Amino acid sequence: MQTLDDRDASGQALPVAGRGNVSEQGVLARIEASVPALRRYAIALLRNRDEADDLVHDCLVRALDKLHTRREDADIRAWLFTIMHHHFISQIRRRRARPTPEPLDESHDNAVGLQPAQEDALHWRDLQRGLALLPEEQRSVILLVSLEDLSYAQAAEVLGVPVGTVMSRLARGRERLRQHTGQDTRAPLRRVK
């Protein structure tokens, strides 16, 4: 428990040796709790676990570095996803500017493996391929809303676009995903007189 002696001149709680102040501990605990969701989103974006881990690490380093600039009322989870999304976009731009070198040994890439026999595995593969074919804007919205369960408003905040744009990209992305996966199960509209 902090006493009056444990406060600075403005009345703010001073850090207790080895613990930091209570609000900072709460923020750090919420950041730590968000790591699995950040990792899921990064893996879905990059489709490579090692690159995803690097993206999450870079996101957390930037978040901790900029923790003092965060608004107190801001949602930590949305703030972290915003940092990650912006860093991901920066990576894409850098890759376009600098093409990646070809690996010297491509023999392992051409190895033939067994196709999964289970129908669920085939649907999952089709879904992953369909997501990969979507434009980045639509893929990001689908992943944030469907996989990470962010609200439209939170996704709009993460992406820095209006809520209507999120809804539009989500609708177009879902429609394209249905077309890519061959799962267009919606009944065609009929004209009713």
N, C-alpha and C. Protein backbone atom coordinates (compact mmCIF):
# COMPACT_ATOMS: atom_id res chain seq x y z
N MET A 1 0.84 -1.18 0.00
CA MET A 1 0.00 0.00 0.00
C MET A 1 0.89 1.24 0.00
N GLN A 2 0.55 2.20 -0.82
CA GLN A 2 1.34 3.41 -0.92
C GLN A 2 0.87 4.43 0.10
N THR A 3 1.81 5.16 0.67
CA THR A 3 1.50 6.21 1.64
C THR A 3 1.67 7.55 0.95
N LEU A 4 1.39 8.62 1.67
CA LEU A 4 1.57 9.95 1.11
C LEU A 4 3.01 10.21 0.72
N ASP A 5 3.96 9.58 1.41
CA ASP A 5 5.37 9.75 1.10
C ASP A 5 5.73 9.09 -0.23
N ASP A 6 4.86 8.20 -0.73
CA ASP A 6 5.15 7.47 -1.96
C ASP A 6 4.57 8.18 -3.19
N ARG A 7 4.33 9.50 -3.09
CA ARG A 7 3.76 10.25 -4.20
C ARG A 7 4.68 11.41 -4.53
N ASP A 8 4.67 11.81 -5.82
CA ASP A 8 5.49 12.96 -6.21
C ASP A 8 4.73 14.24 -5.93
N ALA A 9 5.28 15.37 -6.33
CA ALA A 9 4.69 16.67 -6.02
C ALA A 9 3.31 16.84 -6.64
N SER A 10 3.03 16.18 -7.77
CA SER A 10 1.72 16.31 -8.42
C SER A 10 0.70 15.33 -7.86
N GLY A 11 1.10 14.48 -6.92
CA GLY A 11 0.18 13.52 -6.33
C GLY A 11 0.18 12.18 -7.02
N GLN A 12 0.98 12.00 -8.07
CA GLN A 12 1.06 10.74 -8.79
C GLN A 12 1.83 9.72 -7.96
N ALA A 13 1.42 8.46 -8.04
CA ALA A 13 2.11 7.40 -7.30
C ALA A 13 3.50 7.21 -7.86
N LEU A 14 4.46 7.15 -6.97
CA LEU A 14 5.84 6.87 -7.39
C LEU A 14 6.03 5.38 -7.54
N PRO A 15 6.91 4.94 -8.43
CA PRO A 15 7.15 3.52 -8.56
C PRO A 15 7.75 2.96 -7.28
N VAL A 16 7.24 1.81 -6.86
CA VAL A 16 7.81 1.11 -5.73
C VAL A 16 8.97 0.29 -6.24
N ALA A 17 10.05 0.22 -5.49
CA ALA A 17 11.26 -0.45 -5.95
C ALA A 17 10.94 -1.82 -6.51
N GLY A 18 11.30 -2.04 -7.76
CA GLY A 18 11.16 -3.35 -8.39
C GLY A 18 9.78 -3.65 -8.92
N ARG A 19 8.78 -2.76 -8.68
CA ARG A 19 7.43 -3.09 -9.11
C ARG A 19 6.85 -2.15 -10.14
N GLY A 20 7.27 -0.91 -10.23
CA GLY A 20 6.61 0.05 -11.10
C GLY A 20 5.30 0.46 -10.46
N ASN A 21 4.65 1.48 -10.99
CA ASN A 21 3.39 1.85 -10.35
C ASN A 21 2.29 0.91 -10.80
N VAL A 22 1.18 0.94 -10.04
CA VAL A 22 0.11 -0.05 -10.25
C VAL A 22 -0.49 0.07 -11.64
N SER A 23 -0.72 1.29 -12.15
CA SER A 23 -1.34 1.42 -13.47
C SER A 23 -0.39 0.90 -14.56
N GLU A 24 0.91 1.13 -14.38
CA GLU A 24 1.87 0.60 -15.35
C GLU A 24 1.87 -0.92 -15.35
N GLN A 25 1.75 -1.51 -14.17
CA GLN A 25 1.68 -2.98 -14.10
C GLN A 25 0.44 -3.50 -14.81
N GLY A 26 -0.68 -2.80 -14.66
CA GLY A 26 -1.91 -3.21 -15.33
C GLY A 26 -1.79 -3.12 -16.84
N VAL A 27 -1.15 -2.06 -17.32
CA VAL A 27 -0.94 -1.89 -18.76
C VAL A 27 -0.04 -3.00 -19.29
N LEU A 28 1.03 -3.27 -18.56
CA LEU A 28 1.96 -4.32 -18.99
C LEU A 28 1.28 -5.69 -18.98
N ALA A 29 0.42 -5.93 -18.00
CA ALA A 29 -0.31 -7.21 -17.95
C ALA A 29 -1.26 -7.32 -19.14
N ARG A 30 -1.92 -6.20 -19.52
CA ARG A 30 -2.82 -6.24 -20.69
C ARG A 30 -2.03 -6.42 -21.99
N ILE A 31 -0.86 -5.82 -22.05
CA ILE A 31 0.00 -6.02 -23.23
C ILE A 31 0.39 -7.49 -23.33
N GLU A 32 0.80 -8.06 -22.20
CA GLU A 32 1.20 -9.47 -22.19
C GLU A 32 0.04 -10.38 -22.57
N ALA A 33 -1.16 -10.05 -22.12
CA ALA A 33 -2.33 -10.86 -22.44
C ALA A 33 -2.69 -10.77 -23.92
N SER A 34 -2.25 -9.72 -24.60
CA SER A 34 -2.56 -9.53 -26.03
C SER A 34 -1.59 -10.25 -26.96
N VAL A 35 -0.50 -10.76 -26.43
CA VAL A 35 0.53 -11.37 -27.28
C VAL A 35 0.00 -12.53 -28.12
N PRO A 36 -0.79 -13.47 -27.56
CA PRO A 36 -1.29 -14.56 -28.42
C PRO A 36 -2.13 -14.07 -29.59
N ALA A 37 -2.97 -13.07 -29.36
CA ALA A 37 -3.80 -12.53 -30.45
C ALA A 37 -2.93 -11.82 -31.48
N LEU A 38 -1.92 -11.09 -31.03
CA LEU A 38 -1.00 -10.44 -31.96
C LEU A 38 -0.28 -11.48 -32.81
N ARG A 39 0.12 -12.56 -32.18
CA ARG A 39 0.85 -13.62 -32.90
C ARG A 39 -0.06 -14.28 -33.94
N ARG A 40 -1.31 -14.55 -33.56
CA ARG A 40 -2.26 -15.14 -34.51
C ARG A 40 -2.43 -14.25 -35.72
N TYR A 41 -2.62 -12.96 -35.48
CA TYR A 41 -2.82 -12.01 -36.56
C TYR A 41 -1.58 -11.92 -37.44
N ALA A 42 -0.41 -11.91 -36.82
CA ALA A 42 0.84 -11.83 -37.59
C ALA A 42 1.04 -13.08 -38.45
N ILE A 43 0.74 -14.24 -37.90
CA ILE A 43 0.87 -15.49 -38.68
C ILE A 43 -0.11 -15.48 -39.84
N ALA A 44 -1.32 -14.99 -39.60
CA ALA A 44 -2.31 -14.94 -40.68
C ALA A 44 -1.88 -13.96 -41.76
N LEU A 45 -1.26 -12.85 -41.38
CA LEU A 45 -0.81 -11.87 -42.36
C LEU A 45 0.38 -12.38 -43.17
N LEU A 46 1.36 -12.95 -42.47
CA LEU A 46 2.63 -13.29 -43.11
C LEU A 46 2.73 -14.74 -43.58
N ARG A 47 1.93 -15.62 -42.99
CA ARG A 47 1.95 -17.05 -43.34
C ARG A 47 3.34 -17.66 -43.15
N ASN A 48 4.08 -17.15 -42.17
CA ASN A 48 5.40 -17.67 -41.84
C ASN A 48 5.63 -17.38 -40.36
N ARG A 49 5.77 -18.45 -39.57
CA ARG A 49 5.86 -18.30 -38.12
C ARG A 49 7.07 -17.48 -37.68
N ASP A 50 8.22 -17.69 -38.32
CA ASP A 50 9.41 -16.95 -37.93
C ASP A 50 9.26 -15.46 -38.21
N GLU A 51 8.75 -15.12 -39.38
CA GLU A 51 8.53 -13.71 -39.70
C GLU A 51 7.45 -13.12 -38.80
N ALA A 52 6.44 -13.92 -38.47
CA ALA A 52 5.37 -13.46 -37.58
C ALA A 52 5.91 -13.16 -36.19
N ASP A 53 6.77 -14.05 -35.69
CA ASP A 53 7.38 -13.81 -34.38
C ASP A 53 8.23 -12.53 -34.39
N ASP A 54 8.93 -12.30 -35.49
CA ASP A 54 9.72 -11.06 -35.61
C ASP A 54 8.81 -9.84 -35.62
N LEU A 55 7.67 -9.94 -36.33
CA LEU A 55 6.73 -8.82 -36.39
C LEU A 55 6.15 -8.53 -35.00
N VAL A 56 5.78 -9.58 -34.27
CA VAL A 56 5.25 -9.40 -32.92
C VAL A 56 6.31 -8.77 -32.02
N HIS A 57 7.53 -9.27 -32.13
CA HIS A 57 8.62 -8.72 -31.32
C HIS A 57 8.82 -7.23 -31.61
N ASP A 58 8.88 -6.89 -32.89
CA ASP A 58 9.04 -5.48 -33.28
C ASP A 58 7.88 -4.63 -32.77
N CYS A 59 6.67 -5.17 -32.85
CA CYS A 59 5.49 -4.46 -32.36
C CYS A 59 5.60 -4.20 -30.86
N LEU A 60 6.00 -5.21 -30.10
CA LEU A 60 6.10 -5.05 -28.65
C LEU A 60 7.21 -4.09 -28.27
N VAL A 61 8.32 -4.14 -28.99
CA VAL A 61 9.42 -3.20 -28.73
C VAL A 61 8.94 -1.77 -28.97
N ARG A 62 8.25 -1.55 -30.09
CA ARG A 62 7.74 -0.21 -30.39
C ARG A 62 6.70 0.23 -29.36
N ALA A 63 5.84 -0.71 -28.94
CA ALA A 63 4.80 -0.37 -27.96
C ALA A 63 5.44 0.04 -26.63
N LEU A 64 6.41 -0.72 -26.18
CA LEU A 64 7.06 -0.39 -24.92
C LEU A 64 7.84 0.92 -25.03
N ASP A 65 8.42 1.15 -26.19
CA ASP A 65 9.16 2.38 -26.41
C ASP A 65 8.23 3.58 -26.43
N LYS A 66 7.02 3.41 -26.95
CA LYS A 66 6.06 4.52 -27.09
C LYS A 66 4.96 4.48 -26.02
N LEU A 67 5.16 3.69 -24.98
CA LEU A 67 4.15 3.55 -23.94
C LEU A 67 3.79 4.89 -23.31
N HIS A 68 4.74 5.75 -23.17
CA HIS A 68 4.49 7.06 -22.56
C HIS A 68 3.63 7.97 -23.45
N THR A 69 3.52 7.66 -24.75
CA THR A 69 2.73 8.50 -25.65
C THR A 69 1.28 8.01 -25.78
N ARG A 70 0.99 6.86 -25.23
CA ARG A 70 -0.35 6.27 -25.34
C ARG A 70 -1.35 7.06 -24.51
N ARG A 71 -2.52 7.29 -25.09
CA ARG A 71 -3.60 7.95 -24.33
C ARG A 71 -4.11 6.99 -23.27
N GLU A 72 -4.40 7.49 -22.10
CA GLU A 72 -4.86 6.65 -21.00
C GLU A 72 -6.18 5.95 -21.30
N ASP A 73 -7.05 6.60 -22.07
CA ASP A 73 -8.35 6.01 -22.36
C ASP A 73 -8.34 5.09 -23.58
N ALA A 74 -7.19 4.97 -24.23
CA ALA A 74 -7.11 4.15 -25.45
C ALA A 74 -7.14 2.66 -25.10
N ASP A 75 -7.79 1.90 -25.96
CA ASP A 75 -7.85 0.44 -25.81
C ASP A 75 -6.47 -0.13 -26.15
N ILE A 76 -5.86 -0.82 -25.19
CA ILE A 76 -4.51 -1.36 -25.37
C ILE A 76 -4.46 -2.30 -26.56
N ARG A 77 -5.44 -3.19 -26.66
CA ARG A 77 -5.43 -4.20 -27.72
C ARG A 77 -5.48 -3.55 -29.10
N ALA A 78 -6.39 -2.60 -29.28
CA ALA A 78 -6.49 -1.91 -30.56
C ALA A 78 -5.22 -1.11 -30.85
N TRP A 79 -4.65 -0.51 -29.82
CA TRP A 79 -3.40 0.26 -29.96
C TRP A 79 -2.27 -0.65 -30.44
N LEU A 80 -2.16 -1.86 -29.86
CA LEU A 80 -1.13 -2.81 -30.28
C LEU A 80 -1.35 -3.28 -31.72
N PHE A 81 -2.61 -3.56 -32.07
CA PHE A 81 -2.89 -3.99 -33.44
C PHE A 81 -2.58 -2.87 -34.43
N THR A 82 -2.80 -1.62 -34.03
CA THR A 82 -2.47 -0.49 -34.89
C THR A 82 -0.97 -0.43 -35.13
N ILE A 83 -0.21 -0.57 -34.06
CA ILE A 83 1.26 -0.56 -34.20
C ILE A 83 1.70 -1.68 -35.12
N MET A 84 1.15 -2.89 -34.92
CA MET A 84 1.55 -4.03 -35.73
C MET A 84 1.16 -3.82 -37.19
N HIS A 85 -0.05 -3.32 -37.43
CA HIS A 85 -0.50 -3.12 -38.80
C HIS A 85 0.39 -2.10 -39.52
N HIS A 86 0.70 -1.01 -38.85
CA HIS A 86 1.55 0.01 -39.47
C HIS A 86 2.95 -0.54 -39.76
N HIS A 87 3.48 -1.34 -38.84
CA HIS A 87 4.80 -1.93 -39.07
C HIS A 87 4.75 -2.93 -40.24
N PHE A 88 3.65 -3.69 -40.33
CA PHE A 88 3.47 -4.64 -41.43
C PHE A 88 3.42 -3.91 -42.77
N ILE A 89 2.68 -2.82 -42.83
CA ILE A 89 2.60 -2.04 -44.06
C ILE A 89 3.98 -1.48 -44.43
N SER A 90 4.73 -1.03 -43.44
CA SER A 90 6.09 -0.53 -43.70
C SER A 90 6.97 -1.64 -44.27
N GLN A 91 6.83 -2.85 -43.74
CA GLN A 91 7.60 -3.98 -44.27
C GLN A 91 7.25 -4.26 -45.72
N ILE A 92 5.97 -4.22 -46.04
CA ILE A 92 5.53 -4.46 -47.43
C ILE A 92 6.16 -3.42 -48.35
N ARG A 93 6.12 -2.17 -47.94
CA ARG A 93 6.69 -1.11 -48.77
C ARG A 93 8.19 -1.29 -48.95
N ARG A 94 8.89 -1.69 -47.89
CA ARG A 94 10.33 -1.92 -48.01
C ARG A 94 10.63 -3.09 -48.95
N ARG A 95 9.82 -4.15 -48.86
CA ARG A 95 10.04 -5.32 -49.73
C ARG A 95 9.83 -4.97 -51.20
N ARG A 96 8.86 -4.10 -51.45
CA ARG A 96 8.62 -3.69 -52.83
C ARG A 96 9.79 -2.88 -53.35
N ALA A 97 10.39 -2.10 -52.48
CA ALA A 97 11.54 -1.27 -52.88
C ALA A 97 12.79 -2.12 -53.08
N ARG A 98 12.93 -3.16 -52.25
CA ARG A 98 14.08 -4.06 -52.33
C ARG A 98 13.58 -5.48 -52.57
N PRO A 99 13.76 -6.03 -53.76
CA PRO A 99 13.30 -7.41 -53.99
C PRO A 99 14.09 -8.39 -53.13
N THR A 100 13.40 -9.46 -52.71
CA THR A 100 14.06 -10.46 -51.87
C THR A 100 14.95 -11.35 -52.73
N PRO A 101 16.12 -11.72 -52.22
CA PRO A 101 17.01 -12.60 -52.99
C PRO A 101 16.45 -14.02 -53.05
N GLU A 102 16.75 -14.69 -54.13
CA GLU A 102 16.32 -16.07 -54.30
C GLU A 102 17.20 -16.99 -53.46
N PRO A 103 16.63 -18.01 -52.81
CA PRO A 103 17.47 -18.94 -52.05
C PRO A 103 18.35 -19.76 -53.00
N LEU A 104 19.51 -20.13 -52.50
CA LEU A 104 20.45 -20.88 -53.33
C LEU A 104 19.97 -22.31 -53.56
N ASP A 105 19.38 -22.91 -52.53
CA ASP A 105 18.95 -24.29 -52.64
C ASP A 105 17.43 -24.33 -52.58
N GLU A 106 16.80 -24.60 -53.71
CA GLU A 106 15.35 -24.66 -53.77
C GLU A 106 14.84 -26.10 -53.82
N SER A 107 15.71 -27.07 -53.62
CA SER A 107 15.29 -28.46 -53.76
C SER A 107 14.24 -28.84 -52.72
N HIS A 108 14.29 -28.28 -51.51
CA HIS A 108 13.29 -28.61 -50.50
C HIS A 108 11.94 -27.99 -50.82
N ASP A 109 11.90 -26.92 -51.57
CA ASP A 109 10.64 -26.28 -51.93
C ASP A 109 9.84 -27.12 -52.93
N ASN A 110 10.52 -27.91 -53.71
CA ASN A 110 9.86 -28.71 -54.75
C ASN A 110 9.55 -30.13 -54.29
N ALA A 111 9.82 -30.44 -53.04
CA ALA A 111 9.57 -31.79 -52.53
C ALA A 111 8.07 -32.07 -52.56
N VAL A 112 7.71 -33.25 -53.00
CA VAL A 112 6.31 -33.64 -53.10
C VAL A 112 5.89 -34.26 -51.78
N GLY A 113 4.80 -33.78 -51.23
CA GLY A 113 4.28 -34.31 -49.98
C GLY A 113 2.91 -34.93 -50.21
N LEU A 114 2.42 -35.61 -49.23
CA LEU A 114 1.10 -36.21 -49.31
C LEU A 114 0.04 -35.17 -49.03
N GLN A 115 -1.01 -35.18 -49.83
CA GLN A 115 -2.12 -34.28 -49.61
C GLN A 115 -2.99 -34.84 -48.48
N PRO A 116 -3.51 -33.98 -47.63
CA PRO A 116 -4.35 -34.48 -46.54
C PRO A 116 -5.64 -35.11 -47.10
N ALA A 117 -6.05 -36.16 -46.46
CA ALA A 117 -7.24 -36.87 -46.92
C ALA A 117 -8.51 -36.32 -46.28
N GLN A 118 -8.39 -35.61 -45.17
CA GLN A 118 -9.58 -35.12 -44.47
C GLN A 118 -10.14 -33.89 -45.17
N GLU A 119 -11.43 -33.86 -45.23
CA GLU A 119 -12.11 -32.75 -45.91
C GLU A 119 -11.86 -31.42 -45.20
N ASP A 120 -11.80 -31.43 -43.87
CA ASP A 120 -11.56 -30.19 -43.12
C ASP A 120 -10.21 -29.59 -43.49
N ALA A 121 -9.21 -30.44 -43.65
CA ALA A 121 -7.89 -29.94 -44.01
C ALA A 121 -7.92 -29.31 -45.39
N LEU A 122 -8.71 -29.87 -46.30
CA LEU A 122 -8.83 -29.29 -47.64
C LEU A 122 -9.55 -27.95 -47.60
N HIS A 123 -10.60 -27.87 -46.79
CA HIS A 123 -11.31 -26.59 -46.66
C HIS A 123 -10.38 -25.53 -46.05
N TRP A 124 -9.61 -25.92 -45.04
CA TRP A 124 -8.67 -25.00 -44.41
C TRP A 124 -7.64 -24.50 -45.42
N ARG A 125 -7.14 -25.41 -46.24
CA ARG A 125 -6.16 -25.03 -47.26
C ARG A 125 -6.77 -24.07 -48.26
N ASP A 126 -8.00 -24.37 -48.69
CA ASP A 126 -8.70 -23.48 -49.63
C ASP A 126 -8.92 -22.10 -49.02
N LEU A 127 -9.26 -22.08 -47.74
CA LEU A 127 -9.46 -20.80 -47.05
C LEU A 127 -8.16 -20.00 -46.99
N GLN A 128 -7.07 -20.67 -46.67
CA GLN A 128 -5.77 -19.98 -46.62
C GLN A 128 -5.39 -19.44 -48.00
N ARG A 129 -5.60 -20.23 -49.01
CA ARG A 129 -5.29 -19.78 -50.38
C ARG A 129 -6.18 -18.62 -50.78
N GLY A 130 -7.46 -18.72 -50.42
CA GLY A 130 -8.39 -17.63 -50.73
C GLY A 130 -7.98 -16.34 -50.03
N LEU A 131 -7.57 -16.45 -48.77
CA LEU A 131 -7.10 -15.27 -48.04
C LEU A 131 -5.86 -14.69 -48.69
N ALA A 132 -4.97 -15.55 -49.15
CA ALA A 132 -3.74 -15.07 -49.79
C ALA A 132 -4.02 -14.33 -51.08
N LEU A 133 -5.12 -14.67 -51.76
CA LEU A 133 -5.46 -14.02 -53.02
C LEU A 133 -6.16 -12.67 -52.84
N LEU A 134 -6.65 -12.42 -51.64
CA LEU A 134 -7.34 -11.16 -51.39
C LEU A 134 -6.36 -10.00 -51.35
N PRO A 135 -6.80 -8.83 -51.74
CA PRO A 135 -5.96 -7.64 -51.55
C PRO A 135 -5.71 -7.43 -50.06
N GLU A 136 -4.58 -6.85 -49.73
CA GLU A 136 -4.17 -6.69 -48.33
C GLU A 136 -5.23 -5.96 -47.52
N GLU A 137 -5.88 -4.95 -48.09
CA GLU A 137 -6.88 -4.17 -47.35
C GLU A 137 -8.04 -5.05 -46.91
N GLN A 138 -8.52 -5.91 -47.81
CA GLN A 138 -9.64 -6.78 -47.49
C GLN A 138 -9.21 -7.89 -46.53
N ARG A 139 -8.02 -8.46 -46.75
CA ARG A 139 -7.52 -9.53 -45.88
C ARG A 139 -7.36 -9.02 -44.44
N SER A 140 -6.81 -7.83 -44.28
CA SER A 140 -6.61 -7.27 -42.94
C SER A 140 -7.94 -7.10 -42.21
N VAL A 141 -8.93 -6.57 -42.90
CA VAL A 141 -10.24 -6.36 -42.27
C VAL A 141 -10.86 -7.69 -41.88
N ILE A 142 -10.81 -8.67 -42.77
CA ILE A 142 -11.39 -9.99 -42.46
C ILE A 142 -10.69 -10.61 -41.26
N LEU A 143 -9.37 -10.54 -41.21
CA LEU A 143 -8.63 -11.13 -40.10
C LEU A 143 -8.92 -10.41 -38.79
N LEU A 144 -8.97 -9.10 -38.80
CA LEU A 144 -9.23 -8.35 -37.57
C LEU A 144 -10.64 -8.60 -37.04
N VAL A 145 -11.63 -8.60 -37.93
CA VAL A 145 -13.01 -8.74 -37.49
C VAL A 145 -13.36 -10.21 -37.22
N SER A 146 -12.97 -11.11 -38.10
CA SER A 146 -13.37 -12.51 -37.96
C SER A 146 -12.46 -13.31 -37.05
N LEU A 147 -11.17 -13.17 -37.21
CA LEU A 147 -10.23 -13.97 -36.42
C LEU A 147 -9.98 -13.35 -35.06
N GLU A 148 -9.72 -12.06 -35.02
CA GLU A 148 -9.37 -11.40 -33.76
C GLU A 148 -10.58 -10.83 -33.03
N ASP A 149 -11.76 -10.93 -33.63
CA ASP A 149 -13.01 -10.54 -32.99
C ASP A 149 -13.02 -9.08 -32.55
N LEU A 150 -12.40 -8.21 -33.35
CA LEU A 150 -12.47 -6.78 -33.07
C LEU A 150 -13.79 -6.25 -33.62
N SER A 151 -14.34 -5.25 -32.98
CA SER A 151 -15.54 -4.61 -33.50
C SER A 151 -15.18 -3.82 -34.76
N TYR A 152 -16.19 -3.42 -35.51
CA TYR A 152 -15.93 -2.62 -36.70
C TYR A 152 -15.21 -1.34 -36.32
N ALA A 153 -15.62 -0.72 -35.22
CA ALA A 153 -15.01 0.53 -34.78
C ALA A 153 -13.54 0.32 -34.40
N GLN A 154 -13.25 -0.78 -33.70
CA GLN A 154 -11.86 -1.07 -33.33
C GLN A 154 -11.02 -1.35 -34.57
N ALA A 155 -11.56 -2.12 -35.51
CA ALA A 155 -10.83 -2.42 -36.75
C ALA A 155 -10.58 -1.13 -37.53
N ALA A 156 -11.57 -0.23 -37.55
CA ALA A 156 -11.41 1.05 -38.24
C ALA A 156 -10.30 1.86 -37.58
N GLU A 157 -10.24 1.82 -36.26
CA GLU A 157 -9.19 2.54 -35.54
C GLU A 157 -7.82 1.95 -35.84
N VAL A 158 -7.73 0.63 -35.85
CA VAL A 158 -6.45 -0.04 -36.14
C VAL A 158 -5.96 0.32 -37.54
N LEU A 159 -6.86 0.28 -38.51
CA LEU A 159 -6.48 0.51 -39.90
C LEU A 159 -6.44 1.98 -40.28
N GLY A 160 -6.99 2.83 -39.43
CA GLY A 160 -6.99 4.26 -39.72
C GLY A 160 -7.94 4.65 -40.85
N VAL A 161 -9.08 3.96 -40.91
CA VAL A 161 -10.08 4.25 -41.94
C VAL A 161 -11.44 4.41 -41.27
N PRO A 162 -12.43 5.00 -41.96
CA PRO A 162 -13.78 5.11 -41.38
C PRO A 162 -14.44 3.74 -41.23
N VAL A 163 -15.42 3.67 -40.33
CA VAL A 163 -16.13 2.41 -40.08
C VAL A 163 -16.83 1.92 -41.35
N GLY A 164 -17.38 2.83 -42.14
CA GLY A 164 -18.04 2.44 -43.39
C GLY A 164 -17.08 1.76 -44.35
N THR A 165 -15.83 2.20 -44.37
CA THR A 165 -14.82 1.57 -45.22
C THR A 165 -14.54 0.16 -44.74
N VAL A 166 -14.49 -0.02 -43.42
CA VAL A 166 -14.28 -1.37 -42.87
C VAL A 166 -15.43 -2.28 -43.31
N MET A 167 -16.66 -1.80 -43.18
CA MET A 167 -17.81 -2.61 -43.54
C MET A 167 -17.79 -2.95 -45.03
N SER A 168 -17.43 -1.99 -45.86
CA SER A 168 -17.38 -2.21 -47.30
C SER A 168 -16.29 -3.22 -47.66
N ARG A 169 -15.09 -3.04 -47.09
CA ARG A 169 -14.00 -3.97 -47.37
C ARG A 169 -14.33 -5.37 -46.87
N LEU A 170 -15.00 -5.46 -45.73
CA LEU A 170 -15.38 -6.75 -45.18
C LEU A 170 -16.37 -7.46 -46.10
N ALA A 171 -17.37 -6.74 -46.57
CA ALA A 171 -18.36 -7.34 -47.47
C ALA A 171 -17.71 -7.79 -48.77
N ARG A 172 -16.89 -6.91 -49.38
CA ARG A 172 -16.23 -7.29 -50.63
C ARG A 172 -15.25 -8.43 -50.41
N GLY A 173 -14.53 -8.41 -49.30
CA GLY A 173 -13.57 -9.47 -49.00
C GLY A 173 -14.24 -10.81 -48.79
N ARG A 174 -15.35 -10.81 -48.05
CA ARG A 174 -16.08 -12.06 -47.83
C ARG A 174 -16.63 -12.61 -49.15
N GLU A 175 -17.14 -11.73 -50.00
CA GLU A 175 -17.66 -12.17 -51.29
C GLU A 175 -16.54 -12.77 -52.14
N ARG A 176 -15.41 -12.11 -52.20
CA ARG A 176 -14.28 -12.65 -52.97
C ARG A 176 -13.80 -13.97 -52.39
N LEU A 177 -13.78 -14.06 -51.07
CA LEU A 177 -13.35 -15.30 -50.42
C LEU A 177 -14.30 -16.43 -50.77
N ARG A 178 -15.59 -16.16 -50.80
CA ARG A 178 -16.56 -17.19 -51.21
C ARG A 178 -16.29 -17.64 -52.64
N GLN A 179 -15.98 -16.69 -53.51
CA GLN A 179 -15.71 -17.02 -54.91
C GLN A 179 -14.43 -17.84 -55.03
N HIS A 180 -13.38 -17.44 -54.31
CA HIS A 180 -12.10 -18.16 -54.39
C HIS A 180 -12.20 -19.57 -53.84
N THR A 181 -13.03 -19.77 -52.82
CA THR A 181 -13.12 -21.10 -52.20
C THR A 181 -14.24 -21.94 -52.79
N GLY A 182 -15.02 -21.35 -53.70
CA GLY A 182 -16.10 -22.11 -54.32
C GLY A 182 -17.23 -22.39 -53.35
N GLN A 183 -17.40 -21.57 -52.35
CA GLN A 183 -18.41 -21.79 -51.32
C GLN A 183 -19.52 -20.77 -51.42
N ASP A 184 -19.86 -20.37 -52.62
CA ASP A 184 -20.92 -19.38 -52.81
C ASP A 184 -22.26 -20.09 -52.63
N THR A 185 -22.68 -20.22 -51.37
CA THR A 185 -23.88 -20.98 -51.05
C THR A 185 -25.11 -20.10 -50.90
N ARG A 186 -24.95 -18.80 -51.11
CA ARG A 186 -26.10 -17.92 -50.97
C ARG A 186 -27.05 -18.13 -52.14
N ALA A 187 -28.33 -18.08 -51.83
CA ALA A 187 -29.35 -18.24 -52.87
C ALA A 187 -29.38 -16.97 -53.72
N PRO A 188 -29.54 -17.10 -55.02
CA PRO A 188 -29.63 -15.90 -55.85
C PRO A 188 -30.91 -15.13 -55.52
N LEU A 189 -30.86 -13.83 -55.65
CA LEU A 189 -32.02 -13.00 -55.37
C LEU A 189 -33.06 -13.19 -56.48
N ARG A 190 -34.31 -13.21 -56.05
CA ARG A 190 -35.40 -13.33 -57.02
C ARG A 190 -36.18 -12.03 -57.04
N ARG A 191 -36.74 -11.76 -58.18
CA ARG A 191 -37.60 -10.58 -58.29
C ARG A 191 -39.01 -10.97 -57.83
N VAL A 192 -39.50 -10.21 -56.88
CA VAL A 192 -40.84 -10.49 -56.34
C VAL A 192 -41.74 -9.34 -56.78
N LYS A 193 -42.90 -9.70 -57.37
CA LYS A 193 -43.85 -8.69 -57.85
C LYS A 193 -44.88 -8.39 -56.83
